[in-house]
Amino acid sequence: MLRHVGQKRTNTHNLRLAVLLCLTAGFVNGAGFLSFYVLVTNVTGHVALFAEKLSSGDASTAMTIGFWMLLFFLGAFVSSFIINKIGRNERYSYAIPILIEMSILIFVAVCGPVFDNSVRSTHLFAGSLLFAMGLQNAMVSMISGSEVRTTHLTGMFTDLGIETAAVTLKQEETEKKRLYSSIRLRLVIIIFFFLGCVTAVFLYDVLRFKIFYIPVGFLIIAMFYDIFRIKAVRAYHHLKFK
């Protein structure tokens, strides 16, 4: 899932990545909104809100929203910087951004109960999640060759509409296969983001801030999936040919 990059990467690898990381992003988005009343994966909506607050003279709120957008950008910057510094084609260069994201989610799960709805608390907790989502989005985009984006759906719905229209027209068989493969990936991204959001909403009243441990579990699976899969395949072949 994470170990294959460049020409070695297939659509199957991207599908597996989309399932786990879009589920993670959807989960964090739903839980983050219910916890801190901020959409922690949505920069597009924040731009409109920033403009509205600025035009109405609410400079303080506009600065807060601008700060959230900056943190998402910084998350993407840090993730990209780390991956490129270690080596984009290095098998485990993506572990550090994942570990940082996990640390942020654990911090929110542990310290979230002290949230008092103040500006300072909102900056700290919602800002941390925006940074984490920027971190994840850049990492997944780099792994997948910009095929998978986990934290927003506007581009996914646009691409899905374009490709669905294209597949209804006369196409060569090779091109049709490529379009079907791409449509399947877009649908997986959309479905699992929705699934993560909906699941988080249903579980939030029961788990409260402990809900952030669940996406940590998803990230652990993503990080160690390749190792477990290789060991499982080797064990299977060992038993089969013993």
C-alpha atoms as a PDB file:
ATOM      1  CA  MET A   1       0.000   0.000   0.000  1.00  0.00           C
ATOM      2  CA  LEU A   2       2.767   2.454   0.985  1.00  0.00           C
ATOM      3  CA  ARG A   3       5.849   0.623  -0.251  1.00  0.00           C
ATOM      4  CA  HIS A   4       5.029   0.742  -3.978  1.00  0.00           C
ATOM      5  CA  VAL A   5       5.785   4.062  -5.664  1.00  0.00           C
ATOM      6  CA  GLY A   6       6.252   5.346  -9.186  1.00  0.00           C
ATOM      7  CA  GLN A   7       5.900   2.800 -11.987  1.00  0.00           C
ATOM      8  CA  LYS A   8       5.592  -0.074  -9.508  1.00  0.00           C
ATOM      9  CA  ARG A   9       2.328   1.368  -8.226  1.00  0.00           C
ATOM     10  CA  THR A  10      -0.975  -0.021  -9.521  1.00  0.00           C
ATOM     11  CA  ASN A  11      -4.606   1.000  -9.219  1.00  0.00           C
ATOM     12  CA  THR A  12      -5.083  -1.793  -6.646  1.00  0.00           C
ATOM     13  CA  HIS A  13      -2.509  -0.145  -4.373  1.00  0.00           C
ATOM     14  CA  ASN A  14      -4.353   3.169  -4.697  1.00  0.00           C
ATOM     15  CA  LEU A  15      -7.693   1.501  -3.917  1.00  0.00           C
ATOM     16  CA  ARG A  16      -6.321   0.033  -0.685  1.00  0.00           C
ATOM     17  CA  LEU A  17      -4.818   3.396   0.238  1.00  0.00           C
ATOM     18  CA  ALA A  18      -8.100   5.179  -0.509  1.00  0.00           C
ATOM     19  CA  VAL A  19     -10.142   2.782   1.636  1.00  0.00           C
ATOM     20  CA  LEU A  20      -8.088   3.292   4.805  1.00  0.00           C
ATOM     21  CA  LEU A  21      -6.998   6.913   4.489  1.00  0.00           C
ATOM     22  CA  CYS A  22     -10.330   8.277   3.203  1.00  0.00           C
ATOM     23  CA  LEU A  23     -12.046   6.450   6.050  1.00  0.00           C
ATOM     24  CA  THR A  24      -9.551   8.127   8.399  1.00  0.00           C
ATOM     25  CA  ALA A  25     -10.134  11.594   6.918  1.00  0.00           C
ATOM     26  CA  GLY A  26     -13.921  11.220   7.001  1.00  0.00           C
ATOM     27  CA  PHE A  27     -13.769  10.021  10.586  1.00  0.00           C
ATOM     28  CA  VAL A  28     -11.586  12.953  11.684  1.00  0.00           C
ATOM     29  CA  ASN A  29     -13.802  15.406   9.802  1.00  0.00           C
ATOM     30  CA  GLY A  30     -16.984  14.191  11.481  1.00  0.00           C
ATOM     31  CA  ALA A  31     -15.450  13.906  14.947  1.00  0.00           C
ATOM     32  CA  GLY A  32     -13.605  17.223  14.609  1.00  0.00           C
ATOM     33  CA  PHE A  33     -16.776  19.097  13.662  1.00  0.00           C
ATOM     34  CA  LEU A  34     -18.775  17.646  16.567  1.00  0.00           C
ATOM     35  CA  SER A  35     -15.927  18.285  19.013  1.00  0.00           C
ATOM     36  CA  PHE A  36     -14.753  21.770  18.000  1.00  0.00           C
ATOM     37  CA  TYR A  37     -17.423  23.044  15.574  1.00  0.00           C
ATOM     38  CA  VAL A  38     -14.862  23.400  12.789  1.00  0.00           C
ATOM     39  CA  LEU A  39     -14.634  21.532   9.466  1.00  0.00           C
ATOM     40  CA  VAL A  40     -11.084  20.257   9.763  1.00  0.00           C
ATOM     41  CA  THR A  41     -10.712  18.925   6.210  1.00  0.00           C
ATOM     42  CA  ASN A  42     -12.453  21.730   4.321  1.00  0.00           C
ATOM     43  CA  VAL A  43     -10.335  24.657   3.134  1.00  0.00           C
ATOM     44  CA  THR A  44     -12.688  25.717   0.310  1.00  0.00           C
ATOM     45  CA  GLY A  45     -15.511  26.472   2.731  1.00  0.00           C
ATOM     46  CA  HIS A  46     -13.146  28.381   5.005  1.00  0.00           C
ATOM     47  CA  VAL A  47     -12.194  30.702   2.126  1.00  0.00           C
ATOM     48  CA  ALA A  48     -15.844  31.735   1.690  1.00  0.00           C
ATOM     49  CA  LEU A  49     -16.257  32.164   5.455  1.00  0.00           C
ATOM     50  CA  PHE A  50     -13.014  34.176   5.620  1.00  0.00           C
ATOM     51  CA  ALA A  51     -14.283  36.550   2.913  1.00  0.00           C
ATOM     52  CA  GLU A  52     -17.682  36.929   4.620  1.00  0.00           C
ATOM     53  CA  LYS A  53     -16.156  37.749   8.022  1.00  0.00           C
ATOM     54  CA  LEU A  54     -13.672  40.151   6.455  1.00  0.00           C
ATOM     55  CA  SER A  55     -16.393  42.013   4.541  1.00  0.00           C
ATOM     56  CA  SER A  56     -18.565  42.296   7.665  1.00  0.00           C
ATOM     57  CA  GLY A  57     -15.707  43.829   9.653  1.00  0.00           C
ATOM     58  CA  ASP A  58     -15.168  40.820  11.933  1.00  0.00           C
ATOM     59  CA  ALA A  59     -11.394  40.916  11.582  1.00  0.00           C
ATOM     60  CA  SER A  60     -10.782  38.706  14.634  1.00  0.00           C
ATOM     61  CA  THR A  61     -12.799  35.771  13.280  1.00  0.00           C
ATOM     62  CA  ALA A  62     -11.348  36.299   9.818  1.00  0.00           C
ATOM     63  CA  MET A  63      -7.831  36.040  11.257  1.00  0.00           C
ATOM     64  CA  THR A  64      -8.790  32.811  13.046  1.00  0.00           C
ATOM     65  CA  ILE A  65     -10.093  31.279   9.805  1.00  0.00           C
ATOM     66  CA  GLY A  66      -6.972  32.466   7.979  1.00  0.00           C
ATOM     67  CA  PHE A  67      -4.890  30.785  10.674  1.00  0.00           C
ATOM     68  CA  TRP A  68      -6.746  27.478  10.093  1.00  0.00           C
ATOM     69  CA  MET A  69      -6.065  27.643   6.353  1.00  0.00           C
ATOM     70  CA  LEU A  70      -2.405  28.403   7.037  1.00  0.00           C
ATOM     71  CA  LEU A  71      -2.135  25.351   9.303  1.00  0.00           C
ATOM     72  CA  PHE A  72      -3.553  23.070   6.587  1.00  0.00           C
ATOM     73  CA  PHE A  73      -0.981  24.504   4.185  1.00  0.00           C
ATOM     74  CA  LEU A  74       1.814  24.022   6.732  1.00  0.00           C
ATOM     75  CA  GLY A  75       0.785  20.403   7.242  1.00  0.00           C
ATOM     76  CA  ALA A  76       1.049  19.768   3.495  1.00  0.00           C
ATOM     77  CA  PHE A  77       4.382  21.616   3.386  1.00  0.00           C
ATOM     78  CA  VAL A  78       5.889  19.658   6.293  1.00  0.00           C
ATOM     79  CA  SER A  79       4.751  16.312   4.886  1.00  0.00           C
ATOM     80  CA  SER A  80       6.155  17.086   1.439  1.00  0.00           C
ATOM     81  CA  PHE A  81       9.415  18.431   2.875  1.00  0.00           C
ATOM     82  CA  ILE A  82       9.987  15.324   5.021  1.00  0.00           C
ATOM     83  CA  ILE A  83       9.224  12.883   2.196  1.00  0.00           C
ATOM     84  CA  ASN A  84      11.425  14.697  -0.321  1.00  0.00           C
ATOM     85  CA  LYS A  85      14.237  15.124   2.208  1.00  0.00           C
ATOM     86  CA  ILE A  86      14.331  11.415   3.068  1.00  0.00           C
ATOM     87  CA  GLY A  87      13.750  10.345  -0.521  1.00  0.00           C
ATOM     88  CA  ARG A  88      10.468  10.095  -2.353  1.00  0.00           C
ATOM     89  CA  ASN A  89      11.193   6.566  -3.548  1.00  0.00           C
ATOM     90  CA  GLU A  90      12.422   5.324  -0.180  1.00  0.00           C
ATOM     91  CA  ARG A  91      10.144   2.564   1.016  1.00  0.00           C
ATOM     92  CA  TYR A  92       9.572   3.945   4.517  1.00  0.00           C
ATOM     93  CA  SER A  93       9.842   7.697   3.865  1.00  0.00           C
ATOM     94  CA  TYR A  94       6.114   8.069   4.569  1.00  0.00           C
ATOM     95  CA  ALA A  95       6.298   6.697   8.110  1.00  0.00           C
ATOM     96  CA  ILE A  96       7.265  10.024   9.726  1.00  0.00           C
ATOM     97  CA  PRO A  97       4.200  11.995   8.475  1.00  0.00           C
ATOM     98  CA  ILE A  98       1.961   9.120   9.598  1.00  0.00           C
ATOM     99  CA  LEU A  99       3.591   9.074  13.040  1.00  0.00           C
ATOM    100  CA  ILE A 100       3.144  12.850  13.370  1.00  0.00           C
ATOM    101  CA  GLU A 101      -0.525  12.539  12.415  1.00  0.00           C
ATOM    102  CA  MET A 102      -1.020   9.713  14.901  1.00  0.00           C
ATOM    103  CA  SER A 103       0.615  11.809  17.639  1.00  0.00           C
ATOM    104  CA  ILE A 104      -1.760  14.708  16.939  1.00  0.00           C
ATOM    105  CA  LEU A 105      -4.822  12.461  17.047  1.00  0.00           C
ATOM    106  CA  ILE A 106      -3.668  10.865  20.319  1.00  0.00           C
ATOM    107  CA  PHE A 107      -3.061  14.354  21.762  1.00  0.00           C
ATOM    108  CA  VAL A 108      -6.627  15.394  20.837  1.00  0.00           C
ATOM    109  CA  ALA A 109      -8.061  12.160  22.288  1.00  0.00           C
ATOM    110  CA  VAL A 110      -6.196  12.609  25.592  1.00  0.00           C
ATOM    111  CA  CYS A 111      -6.457  16.389  26.039  1.00  0.00           C
ATOM    112  CA  GLY A 112      -9.750  17.040  24.237  1.00  0.00           C
ATOM    113  CA  PRO A 113     -11.849  16.941  27.461  1.00  0.00           C
ATOM    114  CA  VAL A 114     -10.235  20.237  28.579  1.00  0.00           C
ATOM    115  CA  PHE A 115     -11.686  22.017  25.508  1.00  0.00           C
ATOM    116  CA  ASP A 116     -13.655  25.014  26.807  1.00  0.00           C
ATOM    117  CA  ASN A 117     -14.874  26.534  23.521  1.00  0.00           C
ATOM    118  CA  SER A 118     -12.522  29.504  23.886  1.00  0.00           C
ATOM    119  CA  VAL A 119     -10.620  30.957  20.940  1.00  0.00           C
ATOM    120  CA  ARG A 120      -7.356  29.619  22.357  1.00  0.00           C
ATOM    121  CA  SER A 121      -8.732  26.083  22.747  1.00  0.00           C
ATOM    122  CA  THR A 122     -10.231  26.139  19.263  1.00  0.00           C
ATOM    123  CA  HIS A 123      -6.915  27.306  17.814  1.00  0.00           C
ATOM    124  CA  LEU A 124      -5.100  24.510  19.603  1.00  0.00           C
ATOM    125  CA  PHE A 125      -7.391  21.551  18.890  1.00  0.00           C
ATOM    126  CA  ALA A 126      -9.063  22.402  15.584  1.00  0.00           C
ATOM    127  CA  GLY A 127      -5.789  23.849  14.318  1.00  0.00           C
ATOM    128  CA  SER A 128      -3.949  20.653  15.213  1.00  0.00           C
ATOM    129  CA  LEU A 129      -6.450  18.577  13.236  1.00  0.00           C
ATOM    130  CA  LEU A 130      -6.242  20.911  10.224  1.00  0.00           C
ATOM    131  CA  PHE A 131      -2.449  20.549  10.294  1.00  0.00           C
ATOM    132  CA  ALA A 132      -2.808  16.746  10.520  1.00  0.00           C
ATOM    133  CA  MET A 133      -5.212  16.626   7.574  1.00  0.00           C
ATOM    134  CA  GLY A 134      -2.922  18.793   5.453  1.00  0.00           C
ATOM    135  CA  LEU A 135      -0.111  16.434   6.394  1.00  0.00           C
ATOM    136  CA  GLN A 136      -2.137  13.379   5.364  1.00  0.00           C
ATOM    137  CA  ASN A 137      -3.490  14.859   2.142  1.00  0.00           C
ATOM    138  CA  ALA A 138      -0.026  15.765   0.846  1.00  0.00           C
ATOM    139  CA  MET A 139       1.402  12.386   1.857  1.00  0.00           C
ATOM    140  CA  VAL A 140      -1.350  10.391   0.139  1.00  0.00           C
ATOM    141  CA  SER A 141      -1.162  12.570  -2.960  1.00  0.00           C
ATOM    142  CA  MET A 142       2.592  11.976  -3.235  1.00  0.00           C
ATOM    143  CA  ILE A 143       2.307   8.221  -2.659  1.00  0.00           C
ATOM    144  CA  SER A 144      -0.454   7.790  -5.243  1.00  0.00           C
ATOM    145  CA  GLY A 145       0.956  10.121  -7.871  1.00  0.00           C
ATOM    146  CA  SER A 146      -1.861  12.640  -7.232  1.00  0.00           C
ATOM    147  CA  GLU A 147      -4.516   9.981  -7.920  1.00  0.00           C
ATOM    148  CA  VAL A 148      -5.904   9.920  -4.361  1.00  0.00           C
ATOM    149  CA  ARG A 149      -6.926  12.961  -2.328  1.00  0.00           C
ATOM    150  CA  THR A 150      -8.383  12.040   1.031  1.00  0.00           C
ATOM    151  CA  THR A 151      -9.599  15.259   2.630  1.00  0.00           C
ATOM    152  CA  HIS A 152     -11.944  16.901   0.139  1.00  0.00           C
ATOM    153  CA  LEU A 153     -14.531  15.686  -2.338  1.00  0.00           C
ATOM    154  CA  THR A 154     -15.100  18.642  -4.698  1.00  0.00           C
ATOM    155  CA  GLY A 155     -12.395  17.509  -7.112  1.00  0.00           C
ATOM    156  CA  MET A 156     -13.487  13.885  -6.793  1.00  0.00           C
ATOM    157  CA  PHE A 157     -17.087  14.651  -7.787  1.00  0.00           C
ATOM    158  CA  THR A 158     -15.847  16.801 -10.670  1.00  0.00           C
ATOM    159  CA  ASP A 159     -13.522  14.076 -11.980  1.00  0.00           C
ATOM    160  CA  LEU A 160     -16.235  11.456 -11.496  1.00  0.00           C
ATOM    161  CA  GLY A 161     -18.676  13.512 -13.560  1.00  0.00           C
ATOM    162  CA  ILE A 162     -16.132  14.055 -16.353  1.00  0.00           C
ATOM    163  CA  GLU A 163     -15.093  10.396 -16.508  1.00  0.00           C
ATOM    164  CA  THR A 164     -18.655   9.060 -16.292  1.00  0.00           C
ATOM    165  CA  ALA A 165     -19.621  11.262 -19.230  1.00  0.00           C
ATOM    166  CA  ALA A 166     -16.536  10.148 -21.171  1.00  0.00           C
ATOM    167  CA  VAL A 167     -17.262   6.454 -20.658  1.00  0.00           C
ATOM    168  CA  THR A 168     -20.692   6.833 -22.270  1.00  0.00           C
ATOM    169  CA  LEU A 169     -19.046   7.974 -25.515  1.00  0.00           C
ATOM    170  CA  LYS A 170     -17.334   5.751 -28.030  1.00  0.00           C
ATOM    171  CA  GLN A 171     -13.893   4.920 -26.705  1.00  0.00           C
ATOM    172  CA  GLU A 172     -11.152   2.448 -27.483  1.00  0.00           C
ATOM    173  CA  GLU A 173     -11.208  -0.634 -25.251  1.00  0.00           C
ATOM    174  CA  THR A 174      -7.964   0.359 -23.506  1.00  0.00           C
ATOM    175  CA  GLU A 175      -9.283   3.836 -22.750  1.00  0.00           C
ATOM    176  CA  LYS A 176     -12.583   2.427 -21.469  1.00  0.00           C
ATOM    177  CA  LYS A 177     -10.723   0.138 -19.074  1.00  0.00           C
ATOM    178  CA  ARG A 178      -8.697   3.091 -17.809  1.00  0.00           C
ATOM    179  CA  LEU A 179     -11.859   5.145 -17.299  1.00  0.00           C
ATOM    180  CA  TYR A 180     -13.663   2.332 -15.450  1.00  0.00           C
ATOM    181  CA  SER A 181     -10.631   1.874 -13.219  1.00  0.00           C
ATOM    182  CA  SER A 182     -10.503   5.607 -12.456  1.00  0.00           C
ATOM    183  CA  ILE A 183     -14.269   5.792 -11.807  1.00  0.00           C
ATOM    184  CA  ARG A 184     -13.996   2.891  -9.356  1.00  0.00           C
ATOM    185  CA  LEU A 185     -11.224   4.728  -7.482  1.00  0.00           C
ATOM    186  CA  ARG A 186     -13.257   7.974  -7.302  1.00  0.00           C
ATOM    187  CA  LEU A 187     -16.265   6.070  -5.955  1.00  0.00           C
ATOM    188  CA  VAL A 188     -14.159   4.351  -3.293  1.00  0.00           C
ATOM    189  CA  ILE A 189     -12.759   7.724  -2.154  1.00  0.00           C
ATOM    190  CA  ILE A 190     -16.234   9.285  -1.919  1.00  0.00           C
ATOM    191  CA  ILE A 191     -17.928   6.281  -0.283  1.00  0.00           C
ATOM    192  CA  PHE A 192     -15.300   5.732   2.401  1.00  0.00           C
ATOM    193  CA  PHE A 193     -15.037   9.434   3.263  1.00  0.00           C
ATOM    194  CA  PHE A 194     -18.819   9.467   3.734  1.00  0.00           C
ATOM    195  CA  LEU A 195     -18.648   6.221   5.715  1.00  0.00           C
ATOM    196  CA  GLY A 196     -15.999   7.661   8.028  1.00  0.00           C
ATOM    197  CA  CYS A 197     -18.052  10.813   8.672  1.00  0.00           C
ATOM    198  CA  VAL A 198     -21.297   8.944   9.293  1.00  0.00           C
ATOM    199  CA  THR A 199     -19.663   6.378  11.593  1.00  0.00           C
ATOM    200  CA  ALA A 200     -17.986   9.124  13.625  1.00  0.00           C
ATOM    201  CA  VAL A 201     -21.298  10.945  14.073  1.00  0.00           C
ATOM    202  CA  PHE A 202     -23.069   7.803  15.300  1.00  0.00           C
ATOM    203  CA  LEU A 203     -20.274   6.878  17.731  1.00  0.00           C
ATOM    204  CA  TYR A 204     -19.494  10.343  19.051  1.00  0.00           C
ATOM    205  CA  ASP A 205     -22.100  10.481  21.839  1.00  0.00           C
ATOM    206  CA  VAL A 206     -20.780   7.198  23.231  1.00  0.00           C
ATOM    207  CA  LEU A 207     -17.027   7.727  22.881  1.00  0.00           C
ATOM    208  CA  ARG A 208     -16.664  11.530  22.924  1.00  0.00           C
ATOM    209  CA  PHE A 209     -12.972  12.443  22.524  1.00  0.00           C
ATOM    210  CA  LYS A 210     -11.875   8.813  22.725  1.00  0.00           C
ATOM    211  CA  ILE A 211     -13.272   8.538  19.196  1.00  0.00           C
ATOM    212  CA  PHE A 212      -9.964   9.923  17.873  1.00  0.00           C
ATOM    213  CA  TYR A 213      -8.258   6.658  18.836  1.00  0.00           C
ATOM    214  CA  ILE A 214     -10.174   4.930  16.025  1.00  0.00           C
ATOM    215  CA  PRO A 215      -8.459   6.804  13.147  1.00  0.00           C
ATOM    216  CA  VAL A 216      -5.160   6.154  14.942  1.00  0.00           C
ATOM    217  CA  GLY A 217      -5.965   2.453  14.542  1.00  0.00           C
ATOM    218  CA  PHE A 218      -6.616   2.961  10.816  1.00  0.00           C
ATOM    219  CA  LEU A 219      -3.226   4.656  10.437  1.00  0.00           C
ATOM    220  CA  ILE A 220      -1.463   1.809  12.255  1.00  0.00           C
ATOM    221  CA  ILE A 221      -3.060  -0.668   9.843  1.00  0.00           C
ATOM    222  CA  ALA A 222      -1.993   1.462   6.863  1.00  0.00           C
ATOM    223  CA  MET A 223       1.580   1.737   8.125  1.00  0.00           C
ATOM    224  CA  PHE A 224       2.069  -1.971   8.799  1.00  0.00           C
ATOM    225  CA  TYR A 225      -0.210  -3.430   6.121  1.00  0.00           C
ATOM    226  CA  ASP A 226       2.614  -4.204   3.691  1.00  0.00           C
ATOM    227  CA  ILE A 227       4.715  -5.938   6.348  1.00  0.00           C
ATOM    228  CA  PHE A 228       1.797  -8.085   7.569  1.00  0.00           C
ATOM    229  CA  ARG A 229       0.734  -8.905   4.012  1.00  0.00           C
ATOM    230  CA  ILE A 230       4.234 -10.038   2.985  1.00  0.00           C
ATOM    231  CA  LYS A 231       4.538 -12.213   6.091  1.00  0.00           C
ATOM    232  CA  ALA A 232       1.067 -13.686   5.504  1.00  0.00           C
ATOM    233  CA  VAL A 233       1.886 -14.539   1.868  1.00  0.00           C
ATOM    234  CA  ARG A 234       5.184 -16.145   2.873  1.00  0.00           C
ATOM    235  CA  ALA A 235       3.485 -18.171   5.602  1.00  0.00           C
ATOM    236  CA  TYR A 236       0.807 -19.302   3.145  1.00  0.00           C
ATOM    237  CA  HIS A 237       3.374 -20.452   0.577  1.00  0.00           C
ATOM    238  CA  HIS A 238       5.395 -22.179   3.305  1.00  0.00           C
ATOM    239  CA  LEU A 239       2.353 -24.164   4.426  1.00  0.00           C
ATOM    240  CA  LYS A 240       1.223 -24.864   0.861  1.00  0.00           C
ATOM    241  CA  PHE A 241       4.531 -26.291  -0.335  1.00  0.00           C
ATOM    242  CA  LYS A 242       5.623 -27.894   2.896  1.00  0.00           C
END
